[in-house]
Amino acid sequence: MRGLLVRAAVVQRGLEAEVRVAPGEVVALLGPNGAGKSTLLAVAAGLLRPDRGRVELDGEVLLAVGERGGAVDVPPHRRGTALLAQEALLFPHLTARDNVAFGPRAAGAARTTARKAAGRWLERVDVAHLADRRPAQLSGGQAQRVAVARALAAQPRALLLDEPLAALDVSAAPEVRHVLRRVLSGAAPDPSPPVLLVTHDPLDALALADRAVVLEAGRVVEEGPVREVLARPRSAFAARLAGLNLLVGTAAADGLRAAAGAAVAGVLDTGCAPGEPAVAVFSPAAVAVHRDHPTAGASSPRNALPVVVEAVEPRGSLVRVLARAAGGAAGAGGRPVLAADVTAASAADLELVPGARVWFAVKAAEVAVHAARR
């Protein structure tokens, strides 16, 4: 196949997953800590040998373990991949220019040719004026731009990004994100290689990626275009990333039958048939909080879910109330599963403190029911 294929099973880490990235495509690998994202990236880079697995790049087998035909394991420096991590990891004794020229030089380019290529890449990432500085003289954002230039100057056949913006401060991260978006979108003269991006930040996924793959507990639980995954999440992590509530269960004619038996009225998505595994998704802004059981609204059926408040967090002019379902409605994951946004005045009037038993109410029209990944 053209592009990148990474398939790996690492028993000790509970990983068994497969990801495909087409030529020129950027795929964001999303998931909670410990889901296996960086492990999968390490397998692709040749830094970790799985118990079973296969890595292909443009039809060439770079890794074949536990398959017929004998084992293949091409060493990292011969795979044609470039790995960009959270830290820039520049050579401290080399200037920015010579750091970027290292890849072309290692590939056999003459010193003059390599330094010219380095200059072009430094210009593309907007740090040509820093070419003669050493890493100790660069800020975190500047160093990461140089690291981006170094990775791409080596003309990798695949680019692996392991949370490249996570270590940057709030002012540097948007600037480097903009640079990455430009060079990965094809604005640079050279065509972009397949890119696999590990991130926890929805902004990174939205700005940089074409498609998202969500890993949970070592398995792929959801994949699709980034905006679709965040707008219509089918997994607990994607829902949290998008800031939405998510309940799991079985689709019913009028909504969702939650895992523990509670009925949740909602609007079924196209292709979501009654009786199939499904999720119900709704915004915290659509939730009203009541001390007593709310009466049904005249214009729309209203869901009333008994909950126990676990935390109250200020968010600007609003307060985010995090609660665990006390009745039959069940979310996914081991943290507070439902959220509501209320004003500070409402939070005070309702005495919303940890341990308080209240009702979360949401109109059926605000609840979207989607088919769950099998």
Protein backbone atom coordinates (compact mmCIF):
# COMPACT_ATOMS: atom_id res chain seq x y z
CA MET A 1 0.00 0.00 0.00
CA ARG A 2 1.02 3.62 -0.46
CA GLY A 3 1.43 5.63 2.71
CA LEU A 4 1.99 4.25 6.20
CA LEU A 5 0.56 1.16 7.88
CA VAL A 6 1.23 0.48 11.57
CA ARG A 7 -0.25 -2.65 13.14
CA ALA A 8 0.99 -3.76 16.55
CA ALA A 9 0.21 -5.98 19.51
CA VAL A 10 2.20 -5.29 22.68
CA VAL A 11 0.85 -7.67 25.32
CA GLN A 12 2.55 -6.05 28.32
CA ARG A 13 1.00 -2.67 27.48
CA GLY A 14 -2.40 -4.02 26.42
CA LEU A 15 -2.07 -2.64 22.89
CA GLU A 16 -3.61 -4.22 19.81
CA ALA A 17 -4.33 -1.63 17.16
CA GLU A 18 -3.90 -0.70 13.51
CA VAL A 19 -3.58 2.73 11.92
CA ARG A 20 -3.28 3.62 8.23
CA VAL A 21 -2.13 7.00 6.92
CA ALA A 22 -2.44 7.87 3.23
CA PRO A 23 0.26 9.81 1.36
CA GLY A 24 0.03 13.49 2.30
CA GLU A 25 -2.55 12.77 5.02
CA VAL A 26 -2.23 13.89 8.65
CA VAL A 27 -3.85 11.52 11.15
CA ALA A 28 -4.27 12.60 14.78
CA LEU A 29 -3.93 9.77 17.29
CA LEU A 30 -6.08 10.71 20.29
CA GLY A 31 -6.70 9.00 23.60
CA PRO A 32 -6.20 9.18 27.36
CA ASN A 33 -2.86 8.60 29.06
CA GLY A 34 -1.85 4.95 28.82
CA ALA A 35 -4.07 4.24 25.81
CA GLY A 36 -1.09 3.20 23.68
CA LYS A 37 -0.59 6.24 21.45
CA SER A 38 3.13 6.74 22.03
CA THR A 39 3.67 2.97 22.03
CA LEU A 40 2.21 2.75 18.53
CA LEU A 41 4.41 5.65 17.44
CA ALA A 42 7.49 3.94 18.90
CA VAL A 43 6.68 0.79 16.91
CA ALA A 44 6.42 2.87 13.73
CA ALA A 45 9.77 4.53 14.44
CA GLY A 46 11.50 1.24 15.19
CA LEU A 47 12.13 2.12 18.83
CA LEU A 48 9.96 -0.72 20.18
CA ARG A 49 9.58 -4.26 18.86
CA PRO A 50 6.02 -5.53 19.38
CA ASP A 51 5.00 -9.10 20.17
CA ARG A 52 3.17 -9.15 16.85
CA GLY A 53 2.98 -6.48 14.22
CA ARG A 54 3.64 -5.04 10.82
CA VAL A 55 4.86 -1.67 9.59
CA GLU A 56 4.77 -0.79 5.89
CA LEU A 57 5.80 2.44 4.22
CA ASP A 58 4.95 2.94 0.55
CA GLY A 59 4.79 -0.81 0.06
CA GLU A 60 8.10 -1.57 1.77
CA VAL A 61 7.92 -3.84 4.81
CA LEU A 62 9.83 -2.21 7.68
CA LEU A 63 8.62 -4.60 10.37
CA ALA A 64 7.03 -8.04 10.29
CA VAL A 65 6.86 -9.91 13.59
CA GLY A 66 4.75 -12.98 14.34
CA GLU A 67 3.77 -13.45 10.70
CA ARG A 68 4.52 -16.09 8.10
CA GLY A 69 7.59 -15.64 5.95
CA GLY A 70 10.10 -14.79 8.65
CA ALA A 71 10.76 -11.72 10.75
CA VAL A 72 11.72 -8.31 9.34
CA ASP A 73 12.90 -5.43 11.53
CA VAL A 74 14.56 -2.53 9.71
CA PRO A 75 16.60 -0.41 12.17
CA PRO A 76 15.29 3.10 12.95
CA HIS A 77 17.96 5.00 11.00
CA ARG A 78 17.11 3.09 7.82
CA ARG A 79 13.33 3.42 7.96
CA GLY A 80 13.08 6.85 6.38
CA THR A 81 10.95 8.15 9.25
CA ALA A 82 11.48 11.27 11.36
CA LEU A 83 10.28 11.52 14.96
CA LEU A 84 9.53 14.91 16.51
CA ALA A 85 8.94 14.73 20.28
CA GLN A 86 7.78 17.18 22.96
CA GLU A 87 11.34 18.38 23.53
CA ALA A 88 13.33 19.75 20.59
CA LEU A 89 16.37 17.53 21.42
CA LEU A 90 18.74 19.63 19.32
CA PHE A 91 22.47 18.93 19.35
CA PRO A 92 23.70 21.50 21.90
CA HIS A 93 27.14 21.97 20.29
CA LEU A 94 25.75 22.77 16.81
CA THR A 95 24.16 25.95 15.50
CA ALA A 96 20.56 25.93 14.34
CA ARG A 97 21.77 25.74 10.72
CA ASP A 98 24.06 22.79 11.40
CA ASN A 99 21.35 21.00 13.38
CA VAL A 100 19.05 21.21 10.37
CA ALA A 101 21.86 20.26 7.98
CA PHE A 102 22.58 17.10 9.97
CA GLY A 103 19.92 15.03 8.17
CA PRO A 104 21.02 15.86 4.62
CA ARG A 105 24.67 15.37 5.63
CA ALA A 106 23.87 11.95 7.12
CA ALA A 107 22.17 11.05 3.85
CA GLY A 108 25.36 11.83 1.94
CA ALA A 109 24.84 15.43 0.81
CA ALA A 110 27.88 17.67 0.52
CA ARG A 111 28.37 20.16 3.35
CA THR A 112 27.57 23.19 1.18
CA THR A 113 24.45 21.54 -0.24
CA ALA A 114 23.26 20.48 3.22
CA ARG A 115 23.75 23.96 4.67
CA LYS A 116 21.84 25.55 1.77
CA ALA A 117 18.97 23.12 2.33
CA ALA A 118 19.06 23.95 6.03
CA GLY A 119 18.81 27.64 5.26
CA ARG A 120 15.73 27.06 3.09
CA TRP A 121 14.00 25.06 5.81
CA LEU A 122 14.85 27.58 8.51
CA GLU A 123 13.28 30.23 6.31
CA ARG A 124 10.12 28.13 5.88
CA VAL A 125 9.66 27.91 9.64
CA ASP A 126 10.44 31.63 10.11
CA VAL A 127 13.72 31.35 12.04
CA ALA A 128 16.30 32.00 9.31
CA HIS A 129 17.59 34.94 11.36
CA LEU A 130 18.54 32.49 14.14
CA ALA A 131 20.65 30.22 11.93
CA ASP A 132 23.92 30.91 13.76
CA ARG A 133 22.57 30.54 17.29
CA ARG A 134 23.10 27.47 19.43
CA PRO A 135 20.16 25.76 21.19
CA ALA A 136 20.97 27.39 24.54
CA GLN A 137 20.35 30.78 22.90
CA LEU A 138 16.88 29.83 21.63
CA SER A 139 13.50 30.01 23.35
CA GLY A 140 11.37 26.87 23.58
CA GLY A 141 9.25 27.89 20.61
CA GLN A 142 12.28 28.81 18.51
CA ALA A 143 14.00 25.52 19.33
CA GLN A 144 10.90 23.54 18.35
CA ARG A 145 10.73 25.37 15.02
CA VAL A 146 14.34 24.39 14.38
CA ALA A 147 13.43 20.81 15.30
CA VAL A 148 10.58 20.89 12.76
CA ALA A 149 13.00 22.14 10.11
CA ARG A 150 15.53 19.44 11.03
CA ALA A 151 12.92 16.69 10.75
CA LEU A 152 11.68 17.84 7.35
CA ALA A 153 15.11 18.68 5.91
CA ALA A 154 15.94 14.98 6.15
CA GLN A 155 13.14 14.42 3.58
CA PRO A 156 11.47 11.66 5.61
CA ARG A 157 9.09 9.25 3.95
CA ALA A 158 6.88 9.48 7.05
CA LEU A 159 6.72 12.04 9.85
CA LEU A 160 5.89 10.98 13.43
CA LEU A 161 4.88 13.76 15.84
CA ASP A 162 4.65 12.89 19.54
CA GLU A 163 2.82 15.82 21.17
CA PRO A 164 5.20 18.37 19.60
CA LEU A 165 3.49 21.37 21.24
CA ALA A 166 2.90 19.95 24.72
CA ALA A 167 6.07 21.40 26.28
CA LEU A 168 5.59 24.91 24.87
CA ASP A 169 4.09 27.85 26.78
CA VAL A 170 0.74 29.36 25.84
CA SER A 171 2.30 32.06 23.67
CA ALA A 172 4.70 29.81 21.74
CA ALA A 173 2.33 26.90 21.05
CA PRO A 174 -0.02 28.79 18.67
CA GLU A 175 2.94 30.14 16.69
CA VAL A 176 4.53 26.70 16.23
CA ARG A 177 1.10 25.21 15.47
CA HIS A 178 0.72 27.76 12.67
CA VAL A 179 4.14 26.85 11.28
CA LEU A 180 3.33 23.14 11.39
CA ARG A 181 0.01 23.72 9.68
CA ARG A 182 1.70 25.63 6.88
CA VAL A 183 4.46 23.12 6.20
CA LEU A 184 2.15 20.10 6.51
CA SER A 185 -0.64 21.53 4.36
CA GLY A 186 1.44 21.52 1.21
CA ALA A 187 2.30 25.22 1.31
CA ALA A 188 5.93 24.16 1.38
CA PRO A 189 7.40 23.39 -2.06
CA ASP A 190 7.92 19.70 -1.29
CA PRO A 191 4.91 17.35 -0.99
CA SER A 192 4.14 16.34 2.58
CA PRO A 193 4.81 12.77 3.72
CA PRO A 194 2.19 10.77 5.64
CA VAL A 195 2.04 12.19 9.16
CA LEU A 196 0.99 10.47 12.39
CA LEU A 197 0.34 13.00 15.17
CA VAL A 198 -0.11 12.10 18.85
CA THR A 199 -1.91 14.85 20.77
CA HIS A 200 -4.27 15.55 23.69
CA ASP A 201 -5.20 18.99 22.36
CA PRO A 202 -8.32 19.33 20.18
CA LEU A 203 -6.84 22.51 18.68
CA ASP A 204 -3.86 20.51 17.38
CA ALA A 205 -6.19 17.94 15.86
CA LEU A 206 -8.47 20.54 14.28
CA ALA A 207 -5.64 22.72 12.95
CA LEU A 208 -3.27 20.02 11.73
CA ALA A 209 -5.08 16.75 11.03
CA ASP A 210 -7.36 15.47 8.31
CA ARG A 211 -8.55 12.45 10.25
CA ALA A 212 -8.66 11.33 13.89
CA VAL A 213 -8.18 7.88 15.39
CA VAL A 214 -9.20 7.45 19.04
CA LEU A 215 -7.44 4.84 21.18
CA GLU A 216 -8.81 3.66 24.52
CA ALA A 217 -7.23 0.83 26.53
CA GLY A 218 -5.06 -0.12 23.58
CA ARG A 219 -7.90 -0.47 21.06
CA VAL A 220 -9.19 1.78 18.29
CA VAL A 221 -12.67 2.80 19.44
CA GLU A 222 -13.44 5.54 16.92
CA GLU A 223 -12.07 7.09 13.74
CA GLY A 224 -13.15 9.54 11.08
CA PRO A 225 -12.71 13.15 9.93
CA VAL A 226 -11.55 15.28 12.86
CA ARG A 227 -14.52 17.64 12.87
CA GLU A 228 -16.98 14.73 12.72
CA VAL A 229 -15.29 12.90 15.60
CA LEU A 230 -15.41 16.02 17.79
CA ALA A 231 -18.92 17.07 16.73
CA ARG A 232 -20.43 13.57 16.97
CA PRO A 233 -18.24 11.63 19.41
CA ARG A 234 -18.85 7.93 19.92
CA SER A 235 -16.24 7.37 22.63
CA ALA A 236 -15.84 8.71 26.16
CA PHE A 237 -12.49 10.34 25.45
CA ALA A 238 -13.65 12.10 22.27
CA ALA A 239 -16.69 13.40 24.13
CA ARG A 240 -14.51 14.79 26.92
CA LEU A 241 -12.16 16.30 24.36
CA ALA A 242 -15.09 18.02 22.67
CA GLY A 243 -16.53 19.11 26.03
CA LEU A 244 -19.72 17.06 25.64
CA ASN A 245 -21.66 14.66 27.84
CA LEU A 246 -21.89 11.06 26.65
CA LEU A 247 -24.10 8.18 27.79
CA VAL A 248 -23.77 4.64 26.46
CA GLY A 249 -26.47 2.08 25.82
CA THR A 250 -28.77 0.75 23.10
CA ALA A 251 -30.72 2.80 20.57
CA ALA A 252 -34.48 2.92 21.10
CA ALA A 253 -37.24 4.31 18.90
CA ASP A 254 -37.33 7.55 20.89
CA GLY A 255 -33.71 7.80 22.01
CA LEU A 256 -31.41 5.63 24.10
CA ARG A 257 -31.86 2.84 26.61
CA ALA A 258 -28.88 3.38 28.90
CA ALA A 259 -26.72 0.46 30.01
CA ALA A 260 -28.41 0.19 33.42
CA GLY A 261 -31.94 0.50 32.02
CA ALA A 262 -32.75 4.22 32.20
CA ALA A 263 -34.51 5.70 29.17
CA VAL A 264 -33.02 8.84 27.62
CA ALA A 265 -35.18 10.63 25.05
CA GLY A 266 -33.31 12.05 22.08
CA VAL A 267 -33.04 12.46 18.33
CA LEU A 268 -31.72 9.42 16.47
CA ASP A 269 -29.05 10.04 13.86
CA THR A 270 -29.45 8.68 10.35
CA GLY A 271 -28.27 5.09 10.27
CA CYS A 272 -28.84 4.52 13.98
CA ALA A 273 -31.40 1.72 14.25
CA PRO A 274 -33.25 0.70 17.43
CA GLY A 275 -31.61 -2.21 19.21
CA GLU A 276 -28.07 -1.34 18.09
CA PRO A 277 -25.25 -0.14 20.39
CA ALA A 278 -25.44 3.64 20.60
CA VAL A 279 -24.37 6.74 22.51
CA ALA A 280 -26.32 9.83 23.52
CA VAL A 281 -24.44 13.13 23.35
CA PHE A 282 -25.43 16.56 24.67
CA SER A 283 -23.75 19.81 25.66
CA PRO A 284 -23.28 20.90 29.30
CA ALA A 285 -24.85 24.22 28.23
CA ALA A 286 -28.09 22.36 27.45
CA VAL A 287 -28.40 20.98 30.99
CA ALA A 288 -30.58 22.64 33.63
CA VAL A 289 -29.99 21.79 37.29
CA HIS A 290 -32.88 21.30 39.75
CA ARG A 291 -33.10 20.44 43.43
CA ASP A 292 -36.40 18.56 42.87
CA HIS A 293 -37.60 16.40 40.00
CA PRO A 294 -38.42 18.78 37.09
CA THR A 295 -41.75 18.59 35.29
CA ALA A 296 -41.80 17.83 31.58
CA GLY A 297 -41.66 20.84 29.28
CA ALA A 298 -44.65 21.57 27.09
CA SER A 299 -42.68 21.89 23.86
CA SER A 300 -40.23 19.03 24.23
CA PRO A 301 -39.93 15.86 26.31
CA ARG A 302 -37.40 16.45 29.06
CA ASN A 303 -34.91 13.96 30.45
CA ALA A 304 -34.47 14.08 34.21
CA LEU A 305 -31.35 12.34 35.50
CA PRO A 306 -30.63 12.00 39.23
CA VAL A 307 -26.98 12.83 39.95
CA VAL A 308 -24.57 13.35 42.82
CA VAL A 309 -22.35 16.44 42.54
CA GLU A 310 -18.64 15.61 42.64
CA ALA A 311 -17.00 18.93 41.79
CA VAL A 312 -17.79 22.56 41.00
CA GLU A 313 -15.32 24.48 38.82
CA PRO A 314 -15.42 28.22 38.00
CA ARG A 315 -15.25 28.88 34.24
CA GLY A 316 -15.35 32.61 33.58
CA SER A 317 -18.87 33.88 34.18
CA LEU A 318 -20.21 30.32 34.51
CA VAL A 319 -19.71 27.37 36.83
CA ARG A 320 -19.11 23.83 35.52
CA VAL A 321 -20.89 21.24 37.70
CA LEU A 322 -19.41 17.75 37.41
CA ALA A 323 -21.58 14.92 38.67
CA ARG A 324 -21.96 11.16 38.64
CA ALA A 325 -25.24 9.60 37.56
CA ALA A 326 -27.04 8.26 40.63
CA GLY A 327 -29.70 6.32 38.74
CA GLY A 328 -29.67 4.02 35.75
CA ALA A 329 -27.96 6.34 33.27
CA ALA A 330 -24.31 5.40 32.97
CA GLY A 331 -21.45 7.08 31.24
CA ALA A 332 -18.10 5.63 30.25
CA GLY A 333 -14.89 5.90 32.23
CA GLY A 334 -14.10 6.23 35.92
CA ARG A 335 -14.49 10.01 36.37
CA PRO A 336 -17.53 12.29 36.79
CA VAL A 337 -19.59 11.40 33.76
CA LEU A 338 -21.97 14.33 33.37
CA ALA A 339 -21.47 18.08 33.32
CA ALA A 340 -23.72 21.13 33.45
CA ASP A 341 -22.91 24.82 32.99
CA VAL A 342 -24.82 27.20 35.27
CA THR A 343 -24.37 30.76 36.49
CA ALA A 344 -22.57 31.40 39.76
CA ALA A 345 -25.82 32.73 41.22
CA SER A 346 -27.66 29.51 40.33
CA ALA A 347 -24.88 27.42 41.83
CA ALA A 348 -25.20 29.35 45.08
CA ASP A 349 -29.02 29.23 45.15
CA LEU A 350 -29.01 25.47 44.51
CA GLU A 351 -26.24 24.90 47.06
CA LEU A 352 -24.22 22.90 44.55
CA VAL A 353 -21.46 21.40 46.65
CA PRO A 354 -19.79 17.98 46.43
CA GLY A 355 -22.21 15.34 47.70
CA ALA A 356 -25.36 17.28 46.84
CA ARG A 357 -28.09 15.18 45.21
CA VAL A 358 -29.78 17.06 42.38
CA TRP A 359 -31.43 16.50 39.00
CA PHE A 360 -29.89 17.23 35.61
CA ALA A 361 -32.59 18.03 33.04
CA VAL A 362 -32.07 18.23 29.28
CA LYS A 363 -34.63 18.50 26.50
CA ALA A 364 -34.86 15.57 24.12
CA ALA A 365 -34.28 17.93 21.20
CA GLU A 366 -30.82 18.69 22.64
CA VAL A 367 -29.79 15.01 22.82
CA ALA A 368 -28.24 13.43 19.72
CA VAL A 369 -28.14 9.64 19.55
CA HIS A 370 -25.42 8.13 17.35
CA ALA A 371 -24.55 4.55 16.50
CA ALA A 372 -21.61 3.31 18.56
CA ARG A 373 -18.58 1.64 17.05
CA ARG A 374 -18.96 -2.13 17.41
